[in-house]
Amino acid sequence: MALKQVDHGSKEYQQMVKLRDEILRQPLGLSLTVDELNKEKDDILIGAFDDEKILACCILTKADNKSLRLRQMAVQNNQQGKGIGASMLNFAEIIARDKGYKKLIMHARETAVRFYEKLGYKLVGDRFTEVTIPHFIMEKKL
């Protein structure tokens, strides 16, 4: 498995969009919009690949001068539970630290909270609804 940064608009990016849509949006009856995708041009796009095929992805978006927001983390359904998500998150943390950021924050789906807690993330605040489902703000100092 290869972990790497992905260029916006590339063939790998198109795979990321498809994976995120299939895993994160379609089950909720939603889809990614052109506006959402255009806003990602300045983000850090990360993918996990087996040869040329995407296994997982995530996005880091600048929150402020010291923090990045982890967004749109998705792992192929048949690849979940194999450590790919944890490896990708570790890679994202290294990139964030290397760029001088001190903290990662996220809006974690309620179903993913335990996964992130195992990797050192802490709950911040109360449950809220986003994209029709329960979420929590979580963060980790890098």
C-alpha atoms as a PDB file:
ATOM      1  CA  MET A   1       0.000   0.000   0.000  1.00  0.00           C
ATOM      2  CA  ALA A   2       1.276   3.455  -0.913  1.00  0.00           C
ATOM      3  CA  LEU A   3       0.241   6.602   0.971  1.00  0.00           C
ATOM      4  CA  LYS A   4       0.648   9.839  -0.948  1.00  0.00           C
ATOM      5  CA  GLN A   5      -0.535  13.363  -1.504  1.00  0.00           C
ATOM      6  CA  VAL A   6      -2.847  13.691  -4.476  1.00  0.00           C
ATOM      7  CA  ASP A   7      -3.052  16.594  -6.925  1.00  0.00           C
ATOM      8  CA  HIS A   8      -6.460  18.263  -7.309  1.00  0.00           C
ATOM      9  CA  GLY A   9      -8.003  17.297 -10.650  1.00  0.00           C
ATOM     10  CA  SER A  10      -5.683  14.320 -11.246  1.00  0.00           C
ATOM     11  CA  LYS A  11      -6.743  10.754 -12.043  1.00  0.00           C
ATOM     12  CA  GLU A  12      -6.132   9.855  -8.385  1.00  0.00           C
ATOM     13  CA  TYR A  13      -8.270  12.794  -7.280  1.00  0.00           C
ATOM     14  CA  GLN A  14     -11.137  11.565  -9.465  1.00  0.00           C
ATOM     15  CA  GLN A  15     -10.882   8.207  -7.651  1.00  0.00           C
ATOM     16  CA  MET A  16     -11.007  10.070  -4.306  1.00  0.00           C
ATOM     17  CA  VAL A  17     -14.168  11.902  -5.324  1.00  0.00           C
ATOM     18  CA  LYS A  18     -15.828   8.653  -6.414  1.00  0.00           C
ATOM     19  CA  LEU A  19     -14.857   6.865  -3.169  1.00  0.00           C
ATOM     20  CA  ARG A  20     -16.061   9.738  -0.962  1.00  0.00           C
ATOM     21  CA  ASP A  21     -19.331   9.915  -2.856  1.00  0.00           C
ATOM     22  CA  GLU A  22     -19.914   6.138  -2.566  1.00  0.00           C
ATOM     23  CA  ILE A  23     -18.936   5.814   1.114  1.00  0.00           C
ATOM     24  CA  LEU A  24     -19.922   9.144   2.666  1.00  0.00           C
ATOM     25  CA  ARG A  25     -22.653  10.746   0.546  1.00  0.00           C
ATOM     26  CA  GLN A  26     -24.749   8.217  -1.385  1.00  0.00           C
ATOM     27  CA  PRO A  27     -25.798   6.250   1.729  1.00  0.00           C
ATOM     28  CA  LEU A  28     -27.313   9.526   3.028  1.00  0.00           C
ATOM     29  CA  GLY A  29     -29.021  10.340  -0.261  1.00  0.00           C
ATOM     30  CA  LEU A  30     -26.541  13.180  -0.855  1.00  0.00           C
ATOM     31  CA  SER A  31     -23.839  13.944  -3.413  1.00  0.00           C
ATOM     32  CA  LEU A  32     -20.737  16.096  -3.609  1.00  0.00           C
ATOM     33  CA  THR A  33     -21.286  19.419  -5.384  1.00  0.00           C
ATOM     34  CA  VAL A  34     -19.058  21.187  -7.890  1.00  0.00           C
ATOM     35  CA  ASP A  35     -18.703  24.072  -5.408  1.00  0.00           C
ATOM     36  CA  GLU A  36     -17.499  21.698  -2.675  1.00  0.00           C
ATOM     37  CA  LEU A  37     -14.949  20.139  -5.023  1.00  0.00           C
ATOM     38  CA  ASN A  38     -13.680  23.520  -6.275  1.00  0.00           C
ATOM     39  CA  LYS A  39     -12.996  24.601  -2.667  1.00  0.00           C
ATOM     40  CA  GLU A  40     -10.556  21.677  -2.301  1.00  0.00           C
ATOM     41  CA  LYS A  41      -7.942  23.178  -4.658  1.00  0.00           C
ATOM     42  CA  ASP A  42      -5.891  24.533  -1.739  1.00  0.00           C
ATOM     43  CA  ASP A  43      -6.434  21.534   0.548  1.00  0.00           C
ATOM     44  CA  ILE A  44      -4.013  18.697   1.286  1.00  0.00           C
ATOM     45  CA  LEU A  45      -5.474  15.650  -0.463  1.00  0.00           C
ATOM     46  CA  ILE A  46      -4.281  12.243   0.744  1.00  0.00           C
ATOM     47  CA  GLY A  47      -4.879   8.795  -0.695  1.00  0.00           C
ATOM     48  CA  ALA A  48      -3.948   5.200   0.077  1.00  0.00           C
ATOM     49  CA  PHE A  49      -3.429   3.124  -3.055  1.00  0.00           C
ATOM     50  CA  ASP A  50      -2.801  -0.500  -3.960  1.00  0.00           C
ATOM     51  CA  ASP A  51      -1.088  -0.201  -7.336  1.00  0.00           C
ATOM     52  CA  GLU A  52      -3.340   2.325  -9.101  1.00  0.00           C
ATOM     53  CA  LYS A  53      -6.537   1.533  -7.146  1.00  0.00           C
ATOM     54  CA  ILE A  54      -7.656   3.774  -4.282  1.00  0.00           C
ATOM     55  CA  LEU A  55      -8.243   2.088  -0.915  1.00  0.00           C
ATOM     56  CA  ALA A  56      -8.861   5.135   1.281  1.00  0.00           C
ATOM     57  CA  CYS A  57      -8.630   8.916   1.359  1.00  0.00           C
ATOM     58  CA  CYS A  58      -8.905  12.027   3.492  1.00  0.00           C
ATOM     59  CA  ILE A  59      -8.546  15.781   3.187  1.00  0.00           C
ATOM     60  CA  LEU A  60      -6.780  18.341   5.383  1.00  0.00           C
ATOM     61  CA  THR A  61      -8.195  21.878   5.236  1.00  0.00           C
ATOM     62  CA  LYS A  62      -6.621  24.874   6.961  1.00  0.00           C
ATOM     63  CA  ALA A  63      -8.733  25.865   9.988  1.00  0.00           C
ATOM     64  CA  ASP A  64      -6.377  28.558  11.290  1.00  0.00           C
ATOM     65  CA  ASN A  65      -2.622  29.202  11.471  1.00  0.00           C
ATOM     66  CA  LYS A  66      -2.111  26.399  13.998  1.00  0.00           C
ATOM     67  CA  SER A  67      -4.827  23.874  13.059  1.00  0.00           C
ATOM     68  CA  LEU A  68      -5.910  21.719  10.146  1.00  0.00           C
ATOM     69  CA  ARG A  69      -9.340  20.138   9.835  1.00  0.00           C
ATOM     70  CA  LEU A  70      -9.487  16.475   8.820  1.00  0.00           C
ATOM     71  CA  ARG A  71     -12.401  15.955   6.440  1.00  0.00           C
ATOM     72  CA  GLN A  72     -13.946  13.345   4.193  1.00  0.00           C
ATOM     73  CA  MET A  73     -12.080  10.322   5.554  1.00  0.00           C
ATOM     74  CA  ALA A  74     -13.266   7.252   3.666  1.00  0.00           C
ATOM     75  CA  VAL A  75     -12.063   3.647   3.405  1.00  0.00           C
ATOM     76  CA  GLN A  76     -13.386   1.143   0.849  1.00  0.00           C
ATOM     77  CA  ASN A  77     -15.998  -1.029   2.596  1.00  0.00           C
ATOM     78  CA  ASN A  78     -14.064  -4.249   1.867  1.00  0.00           C
ATOM     79  CA  GLN A  79     -10.847  -2.713   3.270  1.00  0.00           C
ATOM     80  CA  GLN A  80     -12.159  -1.497   6.638  1.00  0.00           C
ATOM     81  CA  GLY A  81     -10.679  -3.014   9.794  1.00  0.00           C
ATOM     82  CA  LYS A  82      -7.281  -3.695   8.151  1.00  0.00           C
ATOM     83  CA  GLY A  83      -5.418  -0.704   9.609  1.00  0.00           C
ATOM     84  CA  ILE A  84      -5.533   1.359   6.412  1.00  0.00           C
ATOM     85  CA  GLY A  85      -7.474   4.224   8.013  1.00  0.00           C
ATOM     86  CA  ALA A  86      -5.109   4.352  10.994  1.00  0.00           C
ATOM     87  CA  SER A  87      -2.060   4.348   8.689  1.00  0.00           C
ATOM     88  CA  MET A  88      -3.536   7.109   6.564  1.00  0.00           C
ATOM     89  CA  LEU A  89      -4.393   9.201   9.624  1.00  0.00           C
ATOM     90  CA  ASN A  90      -0.840   8.787  10.941  1.00  0.00           C
ATOM     91  CA  PHE A  91       0.479   9.918   7.537  1.00  0.00           C
ATOM     92  CA  ALA A  92      -1.859  12.956   7.631  1.00  0.00           C
ATOM     93  CA  GLU A  93      -0.576  13.852  11.115  1.00  0.00           C
ATOM     94  CA  ILE A  94       3.044  13.682   9.906  1.00  0.00           C
ATOM     95  CA  ILE A  95       2.247  15.983   6.975  1.00  0.00           C
ATOM     96  CA  ALA A  96       0.462  18.427   9.294  1.00  0.00           C
ATOM     97  CA  ARG A  97       3.378  18.457  11.772  1.00  0.00           C
ATOM     98  CA  ASP A  98       5.905  18.880   8.955  1.00  0.00           C
ATOM     99  CA  LYS A  99       3.978  21.949   7.769  1.00  0.00           C
ATOM    100  CA  GLY A 100       4.113  23.454  11.278  1.00  0.00           C
ATOM    101  CA  TYR A 101       0.547  22.789  12.434  1.00  0.00           C
ATOM    102  CA  LYS A 102      -0.031  22.026  16.120  1.00  0.00           C
ATOM    103  CA  LYS A 103      -3.499  20.445  16.086  1.00  0.00           C
ATOM    104  CA  LEU A 104      -5.882  18.385  13.947  1.00  0.00           C
ATOM    105  CA  ILE A 105      -9.614  18.906  14.422  1.00  0.00           C
ATOM    106  CA  MET A 106     -12.576  17.153  12.827  1.00  0.00           C
ATOM    107  CA  HIS A 107     -16.314  16.685  12.755  1.00  0.00           C
ATOM    108  CA  ALA A 108     -16.418  12.937  13.408  1.00  0.00           C
ATOM    109  CA  ARG A 109     -19.458  10.850  12.668  1.00  0.00           C
ATOM    110  CA  GLU A 110     -20.796   9.322  15.866  1.00  0.00           C
ATOM    111  CA  THR A 111     -20.132   5.845  14.419  1.00  0.00           C
ATOM    112  CA  ALA A 112     -16.407   6.693  14.038  1.00  0.00           C
ATOM    113  CA  VAL A 113     -15.742   8.273  17.449  1.00  0.00           C
ATOM    114  CA  ARG A 114     -14.242   5.105  18.993  1.00  0.00           C
ATOM    115  CA  PHE A 115     -11.896   4.679  16.008  1.00  0.00           C
ATOM    116  CA  TYR A 116     -10.531   8.208  16.482  1.00  0.00           C
ATOM    117  CA  GLU A 117     -10.356   7.880  20.282  1.00  0.00           C
ATOM    118  CA  LYS A 118      -8.082   4.825  19.883  1.00  0.00           C
ATOM    119  CA  LEU A 119      -5.757   7.055  17.860  1.00  0.00           C
ATOM    120  CA  GLY A 120      -5.543   9.754  20.541  1.00  0.00           C
ATOM    121  CA  TYR A 121      -8.357  12.122  19.540  1.00  0.00           C
ATOM    122  CA  LYS A 122     -10.505  13.714  22.248  1.00  0.00           C
ATOM    123  CA  LEU A 123     -14.157  14.761  22.181  1.00  0.00           C
ATOM    124  CA  VAL A 124     -14.772  18.502  22.317  1.00  0.00           C
ATOM    125  CA  GLY A 125     -18.314  19.660  23.019  1.00  0.00           C
ATOM    126  CA  ASP A 126     -21.728  18.152  22.475  1.00  0.00           C
ATOM    127  CA  ARG A 127     -23.235  16.023  19.744  1.00  0.00           C
ATOM    128  CA  PHE A 128     -24.608  17.904  16.722  1.00  0.00           C
ATOM    129  CA  THR A 129     -26.166  17.049  13.362  1.00  0.00           C
ATOM    130  CA  GLU A 130     -24.308  17.498  10.091  1.00  0.00           C
ATOM    131  CA  VAL A 131     -25.245  16.010   6.701  1.00  0.00           C
ATOM    132  CA  THR A 132     -28.329  14.540   8.416  1.00  0.00           C
ATOM    133  CA  ILE A 133     -26.418  12.399  10.975  1.00  0.00           C
ATOM    134  CA  PRO A 134     -24.894  12.826  14.483  1.00  0.00           C
ATOM    135  CA  HIS A 135     -21.325  14.156  14.739  1.00  0.00           C
ATOM    136  CA  PHE A 136     -18.880  15.270  17.420  1.00  0.00           C
ATOM    137  CA  ILE A 137     -16.004  17.724  17.232  1.00  0.00           C
ATOM    138  CA  MET A 138     -12.762  15.909  18.023  1.00  0.00           C
ATOM    139  CA  GLU A 139      -9.192  17.144  18.206  1.00  0.00           C
ATOM    140  CA  LYS A 140      -5.627  15.989  18.772  1.00  0.00           C
ATOM    141  CA  LYS A 141      -2.546  18.035  19.608  1.00  0.00           C
ATOM    142  CA  LEU A 142       0.308  17.079  17.307  1.00  0.00           C
END
